[in-house]
């Protein structure tokens, strides 16, 4: 929240905030597989006639967490501005200024609506978690899984399927894993830079068998490909296993 001071001198259309939000999405939310992306016609409506979309619908929050859709919207806005510049005669400078003002205002309005919906969606999720606080039990057996530590390229053959909900995971670690305290993460890539969910638990070893139970809140993760990371305290880089979040 301390970064809000950077926008004190922003204009009345919140242009700086809008541009900074775009940069954040492009940097932190890559979506090369285009999971959940809108079709071209819907993206055109975002730019040309956003009033035709029900932006209160939570599904449109996707554009706040998808670099690919954001990149498409930037290009569509560029093409729109070029078209308007060609259509308007150079003698009607005021009209051009008005069009640009209207376009910026429309973009800012979209962002404001989506941020408002996002906040309400977040709060409703917190209420739902409180009302339905019992996690769904699932089991994940990694005892014989292939391993990919740190930035290595090896991967388990089949992704681990995880539901988009609050879960208590009974996690069986690879054979002869040591007991101790573990941090379990769900991230977008094999790093700790884009962790979407995490939990800590103590693992118990019994011969070759080691397991733990950990609670993970996966409610607000978008369906798609992730990595499940397991890291024992003091052991350095985590081990990563491909995972799939499903609805």
C-alpha atoms as a PDB file:
ATOM      1  CA  UNK A   1       0.000   0.000   0.000  1.00  0.00           C
ATOM      2  CA  UNK A   2       2.971   2.319   0.489  1.00  0.00           C
ATOM      3  CA  UNK A   3       3.286   2.605  -3.284  1.00  0.00           C
ATOM      4  CA  UNK A   4       0.066   4.609  -3.458  1.00  0.00           C
ATOM      5  CA  UNK A   5       2.090   7.749  -2.820  1.00  0.00           C
ATOM      6  CA  UNK A   6       3.530   7.385  -6.302  1.00  0.00           C
ATOM      7  CA  UNK A   7       0.099   8.263  -7.793  1.00  0.00           C
ATOM      8  CA  UNK A   8      -0.544  11.506  -5.893  1.00  0.00           C
ATOM      9  CA  UNK A   9       0.321  13.523  -9.003  1.00  0.00           C
ATOM     10  CA  UNK A  10      -1.627  11.295 -11.388  1.00  0.00           C
ATOM     11  CA  UNK A  11      -4.147  12.937 -13.726  1.00  0.00           C
ATOM     12  CA  UNK A  12      -7.922  12.777 -13.248  1.00  0.00           C
ATOM     13  CA  UNK A  13      -8.136   9.724 -15.520  1.00  0.00           C
ATOM     14  CA  UNK A  14      -5.638   7.746 -13.400  1.00  0.00           C
ATOM     15  CA  UNK A  15      -3.418   7.241 -16.436  1.00  0.00           C
ATOM     16  CA  UNK A  16      -0.318   6.505 -14.359  1.00  0.00           C
ATOM     17  CA  UNK A  17      -2.164   3.924 -12.274  1.00  0.00           C
ATOM     18  CA  UNK A  18      -3.600   2.330 -15.420  1.00  0.00           C
ATOM     19  CA  UNK A  19      -0.162   2.096 -17.079  1.00  0.00           C
ATOM     20  CA  UNK A  20       1.473   0.739 -13.928  1.00  0.00           C
ATOM     21  CA  UNK A  21      -1.233  -1.913 -13.615  1.00  0.00           C
ATOM     22  CA  UNK A  22      -0.613  -2.962 -17.225  1.00  0.00           C
ATOM     23  CA  UNK A  23       3.117  -3.276 -16.557  1.00  0.00           C
ATOM     24  CA  UNK A  24       2.449  -5.373 -13.453  1.00  0.00           C
ATOM     25  CA  UNK A  25       0.186  -7.800 -15.332  1.00  0.00           C
ATOM     26  CA  UNK A  26       2.652  -8.133 -18.239  1.00  0.00           C
ATOM     27  CA  UNK A  27       5.503  -8.901 -15.856  1.00  0.00           C
ATOM     28  CA  UNK A  28       3.841 -11.161 -13.315  1.00  0.00           C
ATOM     29  CA  UNK A  29       1.061 -13.058 -15.124  1.00  0.00           C
ATOM     30  CA  UNK A  30       2.377 -14.825 -18.247  1.00  0.00           C
ATOM     31  CA  UNK A  31      -0.176 -17.142 -19.836  1.00  0.00           C
ATOM     32  CA  UNK A  32       1.499 -18.667 -22.923  1.00  0.00           C
ATOM     33  CA  UNK A  33      -1.084 -21.471 -23.145  1.00  0.00           C
ATOM     34  CA  UNK A  34      -3.885 -18.857 -23.266  1.00  0.00           C
ATOM     35  CA  UNK A  35      -5.798 -20.618 -20.481  1.00  0.00           C
ATOM     36  CA  UNK A  36      -9.172 -18.921 -19.975  1.00  0.00           C
ATOM     37  CA  UNK A  37      -8.483 -16.157 -22.518  1.00  0.00           C
ATOM     38  CA  UNK A  38     -11.316 -14.240 -24.186  1.00  0.00           C
ATOM     39  CA  UNK A  39     -11.905 -14.455 -27.915  1.00  0.00           C
ATOM     40  CA  UNK A  40     -10.932 -11.622 -30.260  1.00  0.00           C
ATOM     41  CA  UNK A  41     -14.482 -10.268 -30.506  1.00  0.00           C
ATOM     42  CA  UNK A  42     -14.761  -9.865 -26.722  1.00  0.00           C
ATOM     43  CA  UNK A  43     -11.408  -8.074 -26.527  1.00  0.00           C
ATOM     44  CA  UNK A  44     -12.575  -5.696 -29.274  1.00  0.00           C
ATOM     45  CA  UNK A  45     -15.655  -4.880 -27.177  1.00  0.00           C
ATOM     46  CA  UNK A  46     -13.353  -4.088 -24.223  1.00  0.00           C
ATOM     47  CA  UNK A  47     -11.662  -1.414 -26.351  1.00  0.00           C
ATOM     48  CA  UNK A  48     -14.430  -0.117 -28.600  1.00  0.00           C
ATOM     49  CA  UNK A  49     -17.686  -0.450 -26.621  1.00  0.00           C
ATOM     50  CA  UNK A  50     -17.030  -1.603 -23.024  1.00  0.00           C
ATOM     51  CA  UNK A  51     -20.589  -0.592 -22.110  1.00  0.00           C
ATOM     52  CA  UNK A  52     -21.836  -3.695 -23.943  1.00  0.00           C
ATOM     53  CA  UNK A  53     -20.027  -5.945 -21.429  1.00  0.00           C
ATOM     54  CA  UNK A  54     -21.269  -6.703 -17.939  1.00  0.00           C
ATOM     55  CA  UNK A  55     -17.977  -5.844 -16.239  1.00  0.00           C
ATOM     56  CA  UNK A  56     -19.513  -6.735 -12.870  1.00  0.00           C
ATOM     57  CA  UNK A  57     -19.225 -10.384 -13.945  1.00  0.00           C
ATOM     58  CA  UNK A  58     -16.170 -11.866 -12.117  1.00  0.00           C
ATOM     59  CA  UNK A  59     -15.107 -13.710 -15.279  1.00  0.00           C
ATOM     60  CA  UNK A  60     -13.753 -10.425 -16.672  1.00  0.00           C
ATOM     61  CA  UNK A  61     -11.197 -10.309 -13.826  1.00  0.00           C
ATOM     62  CA  UNK A  62      -9.183 -12.592 -16.102  1.00  0.00           C
ATOM     63  CA  UNK A  63      -7.698  -9.572 -17.898  1.00  0.00           C
ATOM     64  CA  UNK A  64      -6.104  -8.438 -14.606  1.00  0.00           C
ATOM     65  CA  UNK A  65      -4.162 -11.709 -14.404  1.00  0.00           C
ATOM     66  CA  UNK A  66      -3.297 -12.480 -18.015  1.00  0.00           C
ATOM     67  CA  UNK A  67      -0.353 -10.927 -19.833  1.00  0.00           C
ATOM     68  CA  UNK A  68      -1.554 -12.273 -23.189  1.00  0.00           C
ATOM     69  CA  UNK A  69      -4.994 -10.631 -23.027  1.00  0.00           C
ATOM     70  CA  UNK A  70      -3.401  -7.408 -21.744  1.00  0.00           C
ATOM     71  CA  UNK A  71      -0.934  -7.428 -24.644  1.00  0.00           C
ATOM     72  CA  UNK A  72      -3.829  -7.931 -27.100  1.00  0.00           C
ATOM     73  CA  UNK A  73      -5.745  -5.027 -25.526  1.00  0.00           C
ATOM     74  CA  UNK A  74      -2.725  -2.744 -25.850  1.00  0.00           C
ATOM     75  CA  UNK A  75      -2.460  -3.570 -29.553  1.00  0.00           C
ATOM     76  CA  UNK A  76      -6.204  -3.117 -30.119  1.00  0.00           C
ATOM     77  CA  UNK A  77      -6.071   0.300 -28.438  1.00  0.00           C
ATOM     78  CA  UNK A  78      -3.118   1.282 -30.642  1.00  0.00           C
ATOM     79  CA  UNK A  79      -5.008   0.280 -33.787  1.00  0.00           C
ATOM     80  CA  UNK A  80      -8.095   2.148 -32.584  1.00  0.00           C
ATOM     81  CA  UNK A  81      -6.105   5.323 -31.957  1.00  0.00           C
ATOM     82  CA  UNK A  82      -4.503   5.105 -35.402  1.00  0.00           C
ATOM     83  CA  UNK A  83      -7.921   4.666 -36.994  1.00  0.00           C
ATOM     84  CA  UNK A  84      -9.377   7.639 -35.151  1.00  0.00           C
ATOM     85  CA  UNK A  85      -6.414   9.799 -36.096  1.00  0.00           C
ATOM     86  CA  UNK A  86      -6.925   8.925 -39.778  1.00  0.00           C
ATOM     87  CA  UNK A  87     -10.678   9.470 -39.673  1.00  0.00           C
ATOM     88  CA  UNK A  88     -10.566  12.864 -38.021  1.00  0.00           C
ATOM     89  CA  UNK A  89      -9.468  15.863 -40.032  1.00  0.00           C
ATOM     90  CA  UNK A  90      -6.393  17.657 -38.718  1.00  0.00           C
ATOM     91  CA  UNK A  91      -8.431  20.868 -38.433  1.00  0.00           C
ATOM     92  CA  UNK A  92     -10.624  19.464 -35.689  1.00  0.00           C
ATOM     93  CA  UNK A  93      -7.959  19.233 -33.044  1.00  0.00           C
ATOM     94  CA  UNK A  94     -10.506  19.617 -30.290  1.00  0.00           C
ATOM     95  CA  UNK A  95     -12.375  16.561 -31.507  1.00  0.00           C
ATOM     96  CA  UNK A  96      -9.178  14.532 -31.489  1.00  0.00           C
ATOM     97  CA  UNK A  97      -8.460  15.701 -27.973  1.00  0.00           C
ATOM     98  CA  UNK A  98     -12.007  14.788 -26.932  1.00  0.00           C
ATOM     99  CA  UNK A  99     -11.722  11.317 -28.465  1.00  0.00           C
ATOM    100  CA  UNK A 100      -8.450  10.689 -26.696  1.00  0.00           C
ATOM    101  CA  UNK A 101      -9.919  11.905 -23.428  1.00  0.00           C
ATOM    102  CA  UNK A 102     -12.955   9.641 -23.898  1.00  0.00           C
ATOM    103  CA  UNK A 103     -10.773   6.616 -24.701  1.00  0.00           C
ATOM    104  CA  UNK A 104      -8.560   7.139 -21.644  1.00  0.00           C
ATOM    105  CA  UNK A 105     -11.598   7.702 -19.446  1.00  0.00           C
ATOM    106  CA  UNK A 106     -13.226   4.504 -20.759  1.00  0.00           C
ATOM    107  CA  UNK A 107     -10.058   2.500 -20.075  1.00  0.00           C
ATOM    108  CA  UNK A 108      -9.809   3.969 -16.562  1.00  0.00           C
ATOM    109  CA  UNK A 109     -13.468   3.129 -15.940  1.00  0.00           C
ATOM    110  CA  UNK A 110     -12.883  -0.483 -16.960  1.00  0.00           C
ATOM    111  CA  UNK A 111      -9.954  -0.735 -14.569  1.00  0.00           C
ATOM    112  CA  UNK A 112     -11.952   0.860 -11.735  1.00  0.00           C
ATOM    113  CA  UNK A 113     -14.882  -1.521 -12.246  1.00  0.00           C
ATOM    114  CA  UNK A 114     -12.642  -4.586 -12.479  1.00  0.00           C
ATOM    115  CA  UNK A 115     -10.664  -3.600  -9.378  1.00  0.00           C
ATOM    116  CA  UNK A 116     -13.932  -3.091  -7.511  1.00  0.00           C
ATOM    117  CA  UNK A 117     -15.247  -6.471  -8.639  1.00  0.00           C
ATOM    118  CA  UNK A 118     -11.891  -8.055  -7.753  1.00  0.00           C
ATOM    119  CA  UNK A 119     -12.059  -6.633  -4.217  1.00  0.00           C
ATOM    120  CA  UNK A 120     -15.640  -7.785  -3.700  1.00  0.00           C
ATOM    121  CA  UNK A 121     -14.715 -11.184  -5.135  1.00  0.00           C
ATOM    122  CA  UNK A 122     -11.793 -11.389  -2.696  1.00  0.00           C
ATOM    123  CA  UNK A 123     -13.999 -10.440   0.255  1.00  0.00           C
ATOM    124  CA  UNK A 124     -16.675 -12.941  -0.748  1.00  0.00           C
ATOM    125  CA  UNK A 125     -13.966 -15.595  -0.938  1.00  0.00           C
ATOM    126  CA  UNK A 126     -12.858 -14.722   2.603  1.00  0.00           C
ATOM    127  CA  UNK A 127     -16.473 -14.986   3.822  1.00  0.00           C
ATOM    128  CA  UNK A 128     -16.894 -18.292   1.984  1.00  0.00           C
ATOM    129  CA  UNK A 129     -13.700 -19.615   3.559  1.00  0.00           C
ATOM    130  CA  UNK A 130     -14.994 -18.652   6.997  1.00  0.00           C
ATOM    131  CA  UNK A 131     -18.409 -20.207   6.401  1.00  0.00           C
ATOM    132  CA  UNK A 132     -17.049 -23.332   4.740  1.00  0.00           C
ATOM    133  CA  UNK A 133     -13.852 -23.688   6.712  1.00  0.00           C
ATOM    134  CA  UNK A 134     -13.676 -27.479   6.488  1.00  0.00           C
ATOM    135  CA  UNK A 135     -11.029 -28.355   3.874  1.00  0.00           C
ATOM    136  CA  UNK A 136     -11.601 -31.145   1.372  1.00  0.00           C
ATOM    137  CA  UNK A 137      -9.250 -34.087   2.038  1.00  0.00           C
ATOM    138  CA  UNK A 138      -7.115 -35.292  -0.879  1.00  0.00           C
ATOM    139  CA  UNK A 139      -4.111 -37.610  -1.156  1.00  0.00           C
ATOM    140  CA  UNK A 140      -1.010 -37.036  -3.272  1.00  0.00           C
ATOM    141  CA  UNK A 141       1.542 -39.837  -3.546  1.00  0.00           C
ATOM    142  CA  UNK A 142       5.009 -38.710  -4.661  1.00  0.00           C
ATOM    143  CA  UNK A 143       6.810 -41.777  -3.333  1.00  0.00           C
ATOM    144  CA  UNK A 144       7.972 -42.904  -6.787  1.00  0.00           C
ATOM    145  CA  UNK A 145       7.719 -39.601  -8.683  1.00  0.00           C
ATOM    146  CA  UNK A 146      10.483 -38.212 -10.899  1.00  0.00           C
ATOM    147  CA  UNK A 147      12.146 -35.156  -9.435  1.00  0.00           C
ATOM    148  CA  UNK A 148      13.035 -31.723 -10.757  1.00  0.00           C
ATOM    149  CA  UNK A 149      14.971 -29.622  -8.296  1.00  0.00           C
ATOM    150  CA  UNK A 150      15.546 -25.898  -8.730  1.00  0.00           C
ATOM    151  CA  UNK A 151      15.842 -25.007 -12.410  1.00  0.00           C
ATOM    152  CA  UNK A 152      16.485 -28.527 -13.717  1.00  0.00           C
ATOM    153  CA  UNK A 153      14.420 -29.702 -16.642  1.00  0.00           C
ATOM    154  CA  UNK A 154      13.246 -33.138 -15.422  1.00  0.00           C
ATOM    155  CA  UNK A 155       9.546 -33.443 -14.571  1.00  0.00           C
ATOM    156  CA  UNK A 156       7.127 -36.000 -13.194  1.00  0.00           C
ATOM    157  CA  UNK A 157       5.346 -37.804 -16.012  1.00  0.00           C
ATOM    158  CA  UNK A 158       1.778 -36.884 -15.020  1.00  0.00           C
ATOM    159  CA  UNK A 159       0.636 -33.592 -13.419  1.00  0.00           C
ATOM    160  CA  UNK A 160      -0.805 -33.744  -9.924  1.00  0.00           C
ATOM    161  CA  UNK A 161      -4.515 -32.916 -10.076  1.00  0.00           C
ATOM    162  CA  UNK A 162      -5.662 -30.429  -7.407  1.00  0.00           C
ATOM    163  CA  UNK A 163      -9.184 -29.005  -6.992  1.00  0.00           C
ATOM    164  CA  UNK A 164      -9.832 -25.248  -6.933  1.00  0.00           C
ATOM    165  CA  UNK A 165     -10.860 -25.176  -3.271  1.00  0.00           C
ATOM    166  CA  UNK A 166      -9.630 -25.270   0.319  1.00  0.00           C
ATOM    167  CA  UNK A 167      -7.900 -28.650   0.711  1.00  0.00           C
ATOM    168  CA  UNK A 168      -6.082 -30.713   3.299  1.00  0.00           C
ATOM    169  CA  UNK A 169      -3.429 -32.648   1.431  1.00  0.00           C
ATOM    170  CA  UNK A 170      -2.101 -35.966   2.703  1.00  0.00           C
ATOM    171  CA  UNK A 171       1.251 -35.809   0.948  1.00  0.00           C
ATOM    172  CA  UNK A 172       3.439 -38.912   0.677  1.00  0.00           C
ATOM    173  CA  UNK A 173       6.980 -37.742  -0.046  1.00  0.00           C
ATOM    174  CA  UNK A 174       9.540 -39.642  -2.187  1.00  0.00           C
ATOM    175  CA  UNK A 175      10.986 -42.799  -0.673  1.00  0.00           C
ATOM    176  CA  UNK A 176      13.431 -42.238   2.199  1.00  0.00           C
ATOM    177  CA  UNK A 177      12.716 -38.501   2.437  1.00  0.00           C
ATOM    178  CA  UNK A 178      13.831 -37.232   5.846  1.00  0.00           C
ATOM    179  CA  UNK A 179      11.308 -36.130   8.438  1.00  0.00           C
ATOM    180  CA  UNK A 180      11.143 -32.545   9.632  1.00  0.00           C
ATOM    181  CA  UNK A 181       9.430 -29.270   8.847  1.00  0.00           C
ATOM    182  CA  UNK A 182       8.449 -28.694   5.205  1.00  0.00           C
ATOM    183  CA  UNK A 183       7.062 -25.764   3.243  1.00  0.00           C
ATOM    184  CA  UNK A 184       4.650 -26.787   0.489  1.00  0.00           C
ATOM    185  CA  UNK A 185       3.967 -24.278  -2.286  1.00  0.00           C
ATOM    186  CA  UNK A 186       1.889 -23.985  -5.447  1.00  0.00           C
ATOM    187  CA  UNK A 187       3.545 -21.672  -7.964  1.00  0.00           C
ATOM    188  CA  UNK A 188       3.316 -20.662 -11.599  1.00  0.00           C
ATOM    189  CA  UNK A 189       6.877 -21.749 -12.352  1.00  0.00           C
ATOM    190  CA  UNK A 190       9.732 -23.650 -10.753  1.00  0.00           C
ATOM    191  CA  UNK A 191      10.765 -20.773  -8.523  1.00  0.00           C
ATOM    192  CA  UNK A 192       9.641 -19.052  -5.353  1.00  0.00           C
ATOM    193  CA  UNK A 193       8.932 -15.780  -7.186  1.00  0.00           C
ATOM    194  CA  UNK A 194       5.342 -16.556  -8.200  1.00  0.00           C
ATOM    195  CA  UNK A 195       3.945 -18.576  -5.283  1.00  0.00           C
ATOM    196  CA  UNK A 196       0.121 -18.600  -5.379  1.00  0.00           C
ATOM    197  CA  UNK A 197      -0.521 -20.741  -2.267  1.00  0.00           C
ATOM    198  CA  UNK A 198       1.600 -22.229   0.501  1.00  0.00           C
ATOM    199  CA  UNK A 199       1.491 -24.075   3.801  1.00  0.00           C
ATOM    200  CA  UNK A 200       3.877 -25.529   6.366  1.00  0.00           C
ATOM    201  CA  UNK A 201       3.736 -28.909   8.079  1.00  0.00           C
ATOM    202  CA  UNK A 202       5.856 -31.453   9.902  1.00  0.00           C
ATOM    203  CA  UNK A 203       6.619 -34.707   8.068  1.00  0.00           C
ATOM    204  CA  UNK A 204       6.971 -38.029   9.867  1.00  0.00           C
ATOM    205  CA  UNK A 205       9.379 -40.674   8.547  1.00  0.00           C
ATOM    206  CA  UNK A 206       8.803 -44.401   9.120  1.00  0.00           C
ATOM    207  CA  UNK A 207      11.423 -46.437   7.308  1.00  0.00           C
ATOM    208  CA  UNK A 208      11.168 -45.621   3.604  1.00  0.00           C
ATOM    209  CA  UNK A 209       7.757 -43.983   4.076  1.00  0.00           C
ATOM    210  CA  UNK A 210       7.486 -40.252   4.829  1.00  0.00           C
ATOM    211  CA  UNK A 211       4.290 -38.252   4.826  1.00  0.00           C
ATOM    212  CA  UNK A 212       2.731 -35.015   6.057  1.00  0.00           C
ATOM    213  CA  UNK A 213      -0.614 -33.248   6.081  1.00  0.00           C
ATOM    214  CA  UNK A 214      -0.858 -29.645   4.967  1.00  0.00           C
ATOM    215  CA  UNK A 215      -3.731 -27.225   4.347  1.00  0.00           C
ATOM    216  CA  UNK A 216      -3.675 -25.219   1.096  1.00  0.00           C
ATOM    217  CA  UNK A 217      -6.178 -22.563   0.033  1.00  0.00           C
ATOM    218  CA  UNK A 218      -6.522 -22.984  -3.739  1.00  0.00           C
ATOM    219  CA  UNK A 219      -9.879 -21.185  -4.064  1.00  0.00           C
ATOM    220  CA  UNK A 220      -8.561 -18.118  -5.866  1.00  0.00           C
ATOM    221  CA  UNK A 221      -6.154 -19.877  -8.222  1.00  0.00           C
ATOM    222  CA  UNK A 222      -7.193 -19.887 -11.868  1.00  0.00           C
ATOM    223  CA  UNK A 223      -7.484 -23.354 -13.442  1.00  0.00           C
ATOM    224  CA  UNK A 224      -4.352 -24.270 -15.351  1.00  0.00           C
ATOM    225  CA  UNK A 225      -0.787 -25.518 -15.029  1.00  0.00           C
ATOM    226  CA  UNK A 226       1.252 -24.964 -11.875  1.00  0.00           C
ATOM    227  CA  UNK A 227       4.089 -26.552  -9.905  1.00  0.00           C
ATOM    228  CA  UNK A 228       3.829 -28.172  -6.475  1.00  0.00           C
ATOM    229  CA  UNK A 229       7.006 -27.448  -4.513  1.00  0.00           C
ATOM    230  CA  UNK A 230       8.291 -29.278  -1.440  1.00  0.00           C
ATOM    231  CA  UNK A 231      11.150 -27.834   0.605  1.00  0.00           C
ATOM    232  CA  UNK A 232      12.532 -29.157   3.897  1.00  0.00           C
ATOM    233  CA  UNK A 233      13.865 -26.481   6.204  1.00  0.00           C
ATOM    234  CA  UNK A 234      17.604 -26.110   5.714  1.00  0.00           C
ATOM    235  CA  UNK A 235      17.771 -28.228   2.541  1.00  0.00           C
ATOM    236  CA  UNK A 236      18.030 -25.385  -0.001  1.00  0.00           C
ATOM    237  CA  UNK A 237      16.068 -25.340  -3.269  1.00  0.00           C
ATOM    238  CA  UNK A 238      12.655 -27.077  -3.359  1.00  0.00           C
ATOM    239  CA  UNK A 239      11.715 -30.098  -5.403  1.00  0.00           C
ATOM    240  CA  UNK A 240       9.042 -29.337  -8.016  1.00  0.00           C
ATOM    241  CA  UNK A 241       6.286 -31.484  -9.507  1.00  0.00           C
ATOM    242  CA  UNK A 242       3.912 -30.436 -12.316  1.00  0.00           C
ATOM    243  CA  UNK A 243       0.388 -29.791 -11.034  1.00  0.00           C
ATOM    244  CA  UNK A 244      -2.967 -28.999 -12.607  1.00  0.00           C
ATOM    245  CA  UNK A 245      -5.573 -26.860 -10.848  1.00  0.00           C
ATOM    246  CA  UNK A 246      -9.066 -27.940 -11.906  1.00  0.00           C
ATOM    247  CA  UNK A 247     -12.502 -26.487 -11.173  1.00  0.00           C
END
